């Protein structure tokens, strides 16, 4: 579950990198929530540890669901890939590094 260059290019082409940049505060808050909740039971976190909880949050986030619907992005992998992108983007900030 790592953000590869191919995934990053596909995310860019689908407009999801732009979505992250457009409303960074929203996605940062969701990442922080997932990080804190995961950290409650895993003390030495790695980025992929946070992704699963963030996916669950994205699956019910109206902002993300609406974006996917408007772009006709129906594949389920977009949730995982966008979560990976968010965690990758904010990891240094989240982990205090």
N, C-alpha and C. Protein backbone atom coordinates (compact mmCIF):
# COMPACT_ATOMS: atom_id res chain seq x y z
N UNK A 1 0.82 -1.20 0.00
CA UNK A 1 0.00 0.00 0.00
C UNK A 1 0.85 1.25 0.00
N UNK A 2 1.65 1.46 -0.98
CA UNK A 2 2.49 2.65 -1.02
C UNK A 2 2.08 3.51 -2.21
N UNK A 3 2.29 4.78 -2.06
CA UNK A 3 1.99 5.72 -3.14
C UNK A 3 3.13 5.64 -4.15
N UNK A 4 2.86 5.05 -5.29
CA UNK A 4 3.86 4.93 -6.34
C UNK A 4 3.76 6.11 -7.30
N UNK A 5 4.75 6.25 -8.15
CA UNK A 5 4.73 7.32 -9.13
C UNK A 5 3.55 7.15 -10.09
N UNK A 6 3.23 5.91 -10.46
CA UNK A 6 2.09 5.66 -11.35
C UNK A 6 0.78 6.08 -10.68
N UNK A 7 0.60 5.71 -9.42
CA UNK A 7 -0.61 6.13 -8.70
C UNK A 7 -0.69 7.65 -8.64
N UNK A 8 0.43 8.29 -8.35
CA UNK A 8 0.46 9.74 -8.27
C UNK A 8 0.05 10.37 -9.60
N UNK A 9 0.54 9.82 -10.70
CA UNK A 9 0.16 10.34 -12.02
C UNK A 9 -1.33 10.13 -12.28
N UNK A 10 -1.85 8.96 -11.93
CA UNK A 10 -3.27 8.69 -12.11
C UNK A 10 -4.12 9.61 -11.23
N UNK A 11 -3.68 9.84 -10.00
CA UNK A 11 -4.38 10.76 -9.11
C UNK A 11 -4.38 12.18 -9.66
N UNK A 12 -3.26 12.58 -10.23
CA UNK A 12 -3.16 13.90 -10.85
C UNK A 12 -4.11 14.00 -12.04
N UNK A 13 -4.09 12.99 -12.90
CA UNK A 13 -4.95 12.99 -14.09
C UNK A 13 -6.43 13.02 -13.71
N UNK A 14 -6.79 12.38 -12.61
CA UNK A 14 -8.18 12.32 -12.17
C UNK A 14 -8.62 13.59 -11.42
N UNK A 15 -7.68 14.49 -11.16
CA UNK A 15 -8.00 15.73 -10.47
C UNK A 15 -7.94 15.63 -8.95
N UNK A 16 -7.46 14.51 -8.43
CA UNK A 16 -7.45 14.33 -6.98
C UNK A 16 -6.30 15.05 -6.30
N UNK A 17 -5.20 15.26 -6.98
CA UNK A 17 -4.12 16.07 -6.41
C UNK A 17 -4.61 17.51 -6.29
N UNK A 18 -5.32 17.97 -7.29
CA UNK A 18 -5.91 19.31 -7.23
C UNK A 18 -6.93 19.43 -6.11
N UNK A 19 -7.72 18.39 -5.88
CA UNK A 19 -8.69 18.39 -4.79
C UNK A 19 -7.97 18.52 -3.45
N UNK A 20 -6.88 17.80 -3.28
CA UNK A 20 -6.09 17.89 -2.05
C UNK A 20 -5.55 19.30 -1.86
N UNK A 21 -5.01 19.88 -2.91
CA UNK A 21 -4.42 21.21 -2.82
C UNK A 21 -5.49 22.29 -2.62
N UNK A 22 -6.67 22.08 -3.19
CA UNK A 22 -7.75 23.08 -3.12
C UNK A 22 -8.27 23.24 -1.69
N UNK A 23 -8.40 22.15 -0.97
CA UNK A 23 -8.94 22.21 0.38
C UNK A 23 -8.06 21.43 1.35
N UNK A 24 -6.81 21.85 1.42
CA UNK A 24 -5.83 21.17 2.26
C UNK A 24 -6.22 21.08 3.72
N UNK A 25 -6.88 22.09 4.24
CA UNK A 25 -7.26 22.08 5.66
C UNK A 25 -8.23 20.95 5.97
N UNK A 26 -9.17 20.70 5.09
CA UNK A 26 -10.13 19.62 5.29
C UNK A 26 -9.43 18.27 5.33
N UNK A 27 -8.56 18.03 4.35
CA UNK A 27 -7.88 16.73 4.26
C UNK A 27 -6.85 16.58 5.36
N UNK A 28 -6.22 17.68 5.76
CA UNK A 28 -5.28 17.64 6.89
C UNK A 28 -6.02 17.22 8.16
N UNK A 29 -7.19 17.79 8.38
CA UNK A 29 -7.98 17.45 9.57
C UNK A 29 -8.38 15.98 9.58
N UNK A 30 -8.77 15.46 8.43
CA UNK A 30 -9.13 14.04 8.35
C UNK A 30 -7.90 13.16 8.60
N UNK A 31 -6.76 13.56 8.06
CA UNK A 31 -5.52 12.81 8.28
C UNK A 31 -5.12 12.84 9.75
N UNK A 32 -5.25 14.00 10.36
CA UNK A 32 -4.91 14.15 11.78
C UNK A 32 -5.82 13.27 12.65
N UNK A 33 -7.10 13.25 12.33
CA UNK A 33 -8.04 12.42 13.07
C UNK A 33 -7.66 10.94 12.94
N UNK A 34 -7.39 10.50 11.72
CA UNK A 34 -7.01 9.10 11.51
C UNK A 34 -5.69 8.78 12.20
N UNK A 35 -4.76 9.71 12.15
CA UNK A 35 -3.46 9.52 12.81
C UNK A 35 -3.64 9.37 14.32
N UNK A 36 -4.37 10.29 14.93
CA UNK A 36 -4.56 10.26 16.38
C UNK A 36 -5.30 9.00 16.83
N UNK A 37 -6.33 8.62 16.09
CA UNK A 37 -7.08 7.42 16.45
C UNK A 37 -6.23 6.17 16.32
N UNK A 38 -5.43 6.09 15.28
CA UNK A 38 -4.56 4.93 15.08
C UNK A 38 -3.46 4.92 16.13
N UNK A 39 -2.93 6.09 16.44
CA UNK A 39 -1.85 6.19 17.42
C UNK A 39 -2.30 5.75 18.81
N UNK A 40 -3.60 5.77 19.06
CA UNK A 40 -4.12 5.34 20.36
C UNK A 40 -3.85 3.86 20.62
N UNK A 41 -3.71 3.08 19.54
CA UNK A 41 -3.44 1.66 19.76
C UNK A 41 -2.18 1.14 19.08
N UNK A 42 -1.52 1.95 18.28
CA UNK A 42 -0.21 1.60 17.70
C UNK A 42 0.72 2.76 18.01
N UNK A 43 1.70 2.53 18.84
CA UNK A 43 2.55 3.64 19.30
C UNK A 43 3.61 4.06 18.28
N UNK A 44 4.18 3.12 17.57
CA UNK A 44 5.20 3.47 16.57
C UNK A 44 4.58 3.33 15.19
N UNK A 45 3.92 4.39 14.77
CA UNK A 45 3.17 4.39 13.52
C UNK A 45 4.05 4.49 12.29
N UNK A 46 3.61 3.83 11.26
CA UNK A 46 4.15 3.98 9.92
C UNK A 46 3.01 4.55 9.06
N UNK A 47 3.32 5.17 7.95
CA UNK A 47 2.25 5.77 7.13
C UNK A 47 1.12 4.81 6.78
N UNK A 48 1.45 3.59 6.40
CA UNK A 48 0.39 2.65 6.00
C UNK A 48 -0.52 2.26 7.16
N UNK A 49 -0.05 2.42 8.39
CA UNK A 49 -0.91 2.13 9.55
C UNK A 49 -2.10 3.08 9.61
N UNK A 50 -1.93 4.29 9.12
CA UNK A 50 -2.96 5.32 9.19
C UNK A 50 -3.94 5.23 8.02
N UNK A 51 -3.48 4.68 6.91
CA UNK A 51 -4.28 4.67 5.68
C UNK A 51 -5.63 3.97 5.85
N UNK A 52 -5.66 2.82 6.51
CA UNK A 52 -6.93 2.07 6.60
C UNK A 52 -8.03 2.85 7.30
N UNK A 53 -7.70 3.51 8.38
CA UNK A 53 -8.71 4.30 9.07
C UNK A 53 -9.13 5.51 8.24
N UNK A 54 -8.18 6.09 7.55
CA UNK A 54 -8.50 7.23 6.69
C UNK A 54 -9.40 6.80 5.53
N UNK A 55 -9.19 5.60 5.00
CA UNK A 55 -10.07 5.09 3.94
C UNK A 55 -11.50 5.02 4.46
N UNK A 56 -11.67 4.48 5.65
CA UNK A 56 -13.02 4.37 6.23
C UNK A 56 -13.66 5.75 6.36
N UNK A 57 -12.88 6.74 6.71
CA UNK A 57 -13.41 8.09 6.84
C UNK A 57 -13.77 8.67 5.46
N UNK A 58 -12.92 8.43 4.46
CA UNK A 58 -13.19 8.93 3.12
C UNK A 58 -14.44 8.29 2.51
N UNK A 59 -14.69 7.03 2.86
CA UNK A 59 -15.84 6.31 2.30
C UNK A 59 -17.16 6.95 2.67
N UNK A 60 -17.19 7.71 3.75
CA UNK A 60 -18.44 8.38 4.15
C UNK A 60 -18.36 9.90 4.08
N UNK A 61 -17.24 10.42 3.60
CA UNK A 61 -17.06 11.88 3.50
C UNK A 61 -17.83 12.42 2.29
N UNK A 62 -18.85 13.24 2.52
CA UNK A 62 -19.66 13.74 1.40
C UNK A 62 -18.84 14.53 0.38
N UNK A 63 -17.83 15.25 0.83
CA UNK A 63 -17.01 16.05 -0.09
C UNK A 63 -16.30 15.15 -1.09
N UNK A 64 -15.78 14.03 -0.60
CA UNK A 64 -15.04 13.13 -1.47
C UNK A 64 -16.00 12.32 -2.35
N UNK A 65 -17.07 11.84 -1.77
CA UNK A 65 -18.05 11.06 -2.54
C UNK A 65 -18.65 11.90 -3.67
N UNK A 66 -18.94 13.16 -3.39
CA UNK A 66 -19.50 14.05 -4.41
C UNK A 66 -18.50 14.28 -5.53
N UNK A 67 -17.23 14.51 -5.17
CA UNK A 67 -16.19 14.71 -6.18
C UNK A 67 -16.09 13.49 -7.09
N UNK A 68 -16.03 12.30 -6.49
CA UNK A 68 -15.92 11.07 -7.29
C UNK A 68 -17.12 10.91 -8.20
N UNK A 69 -18.30 11.19 -7.71
CA UNK A 69 -19.52 11.05 -8.52
C UNK A 69 -19.50 12.02 -9.70
N UNK A 70 -19.11 13.27 -9.45
CA UNK A 70 -19.08 14.27 -10.53
C UNK A 70 -18.08 13.88 -11.62
N UNK A 71 -16.97 13.27 -11.20
CA UNK A 71 -15.92 12.87 -12.16
C UNK A 71 -16.16 11.47 -12.73
N UNK A 72 -17.23 10.81 -12.25
CA UNK A 72 -17.56 9.45 -12.68
C UNK A 72 -16.41 8.47 -12.38
N UNK A 73 -15.80 8.67 -11.23
CA UNK A 73 -14.72 7.78 -10.77
C UNK A 73 -15.35 6.75 -9.83
N UNK A 74 -15.80 5.65 -10.39
CA UNK A 74 -16.57 4.68 -9.63
C UNK A 74 -15.73 3.55 -9.02
N UNK A 75 -14.47 3.44 -9.41
CA UNK A 75 -13.64 2.37 -8.90
C UNK A 75 -13.33 2.59 -7.42
N UNK A 76 -13.33 1.51 -6.67
CA UNK A 76 -13.12 1.58 -5.22
C UNK A 76 -11.68 1.95 -4.85
N UNK A 77 -10.74 1.71 -5.75
CA UNK A 77 -9.34 2.00 -5.40
C UNK A 77 -9.08 3.49 -5.20
N UNK A 78 -9.94 4.37 -5.67
CA UNK A 78 -9.71 5.80 -5.48
C UNK A 78 -9.68 6.17 -4.00
N UNK A 79 -10.47 5.48 -3.19
CA UNK A 79 -10.46 5.75 -1.74
C UNK A 79 -9.09 5.43 -1.15
N UNK A 80 -8.55 4.27 -1.49
CA UNK A 80 -7.24 3.87 -0.99
C UNK A 80 -6.15 4.79 -1.51
N UNK A 81 -6.18 5.05 -2.79
CA UNK A 81 -5.12 5.87 -3.38
C UNK A 81 -5.15 7.30 -2.85
N UNK A 82 -6.34 7.86 -2.68
CA UNK A 82 -6.43 9.22 -2.16
C UNK A 82 -5.97 9.25 -0.70
N UNK A 83 -6.32 8.24 0.06
CA UNK A 83 -5.85 8.15 1.45
C UNK A 83 -4.32 8.09 1.48
N UNK A 84 -3.73 7.30 0.60
CA UNK A 84 -2.27 7.22 0.52
C UNK A 84 -1.67 8.58 0.18
N UNK A 85 -2.30 9.28 -0.75
CA UNK A 85 -1.84 10.62 -1.15
C UNK A 85 -1.90 11.58 0.03
N UNK A 86 -3.00 11.57 0.75
CA UNK A 86 -3.17 12.47 1.90
C UNK A 86 -2.10 12.18 2.96
N UNK A 87 -1.94 10.92 3.31
CA UNK A 87 -0.96 10.55 4.33
C UNK A 87 0.45 10.92 3.87
N UNK A 88 0.76 10.64 2.62
CA UNK A 88 2.07 10.98 2.08
C UNK A 88 2.30 12.49 2.15
N UNK A 89 1.30 13.24 1.80
CA UNK A 89 1.41 14.70 1.75
C UNK A 89 1.61 15.32 3.15
N UNK A 90 0.92 14.78 4.14
CA UNK A 90 0.95 15.37 5.48
C UNK A 90 1.79 14.59 6.49
N UNK A 91 2.48 13.54 6.07
CA UNK A 91 3.14 12.65 7.02
C UNK A 91 4.13 13.37 7.94
N UNK A 92 4.97 14.21 7.40
CA UNK A 92 5.97 14.90 8.22
C UNK A 92 5.29 15.72 9.31
N UNK A 93 4.25 16.41 8.93
CA UNK A 93 3.48 17.21 9.89
C UNK A 93 2.79 16.32 10.93
N UNK A 94 2.18 15.25 10.48
CA UNK A 94 1.45 14.35 11.38
C UNK A 94 2.38 13.68 12.39
N UNK A 95 3.52 13.23 11.91
CA UNK A 95 4.43 12.47 12.77
C UNK A 95 5.36 13.37 13.58
N UNK A 96 5.22 14.67 13.40
CA UNK A 96 6.04 15.61 14.17
C UNK A 96 7.49 15.66 13.74
N UNK A 97 7.73 15.21 12.50
CA UNK A 97 9.11 15.16 12.02
C UNK A 97 9.53 16.29 11.20
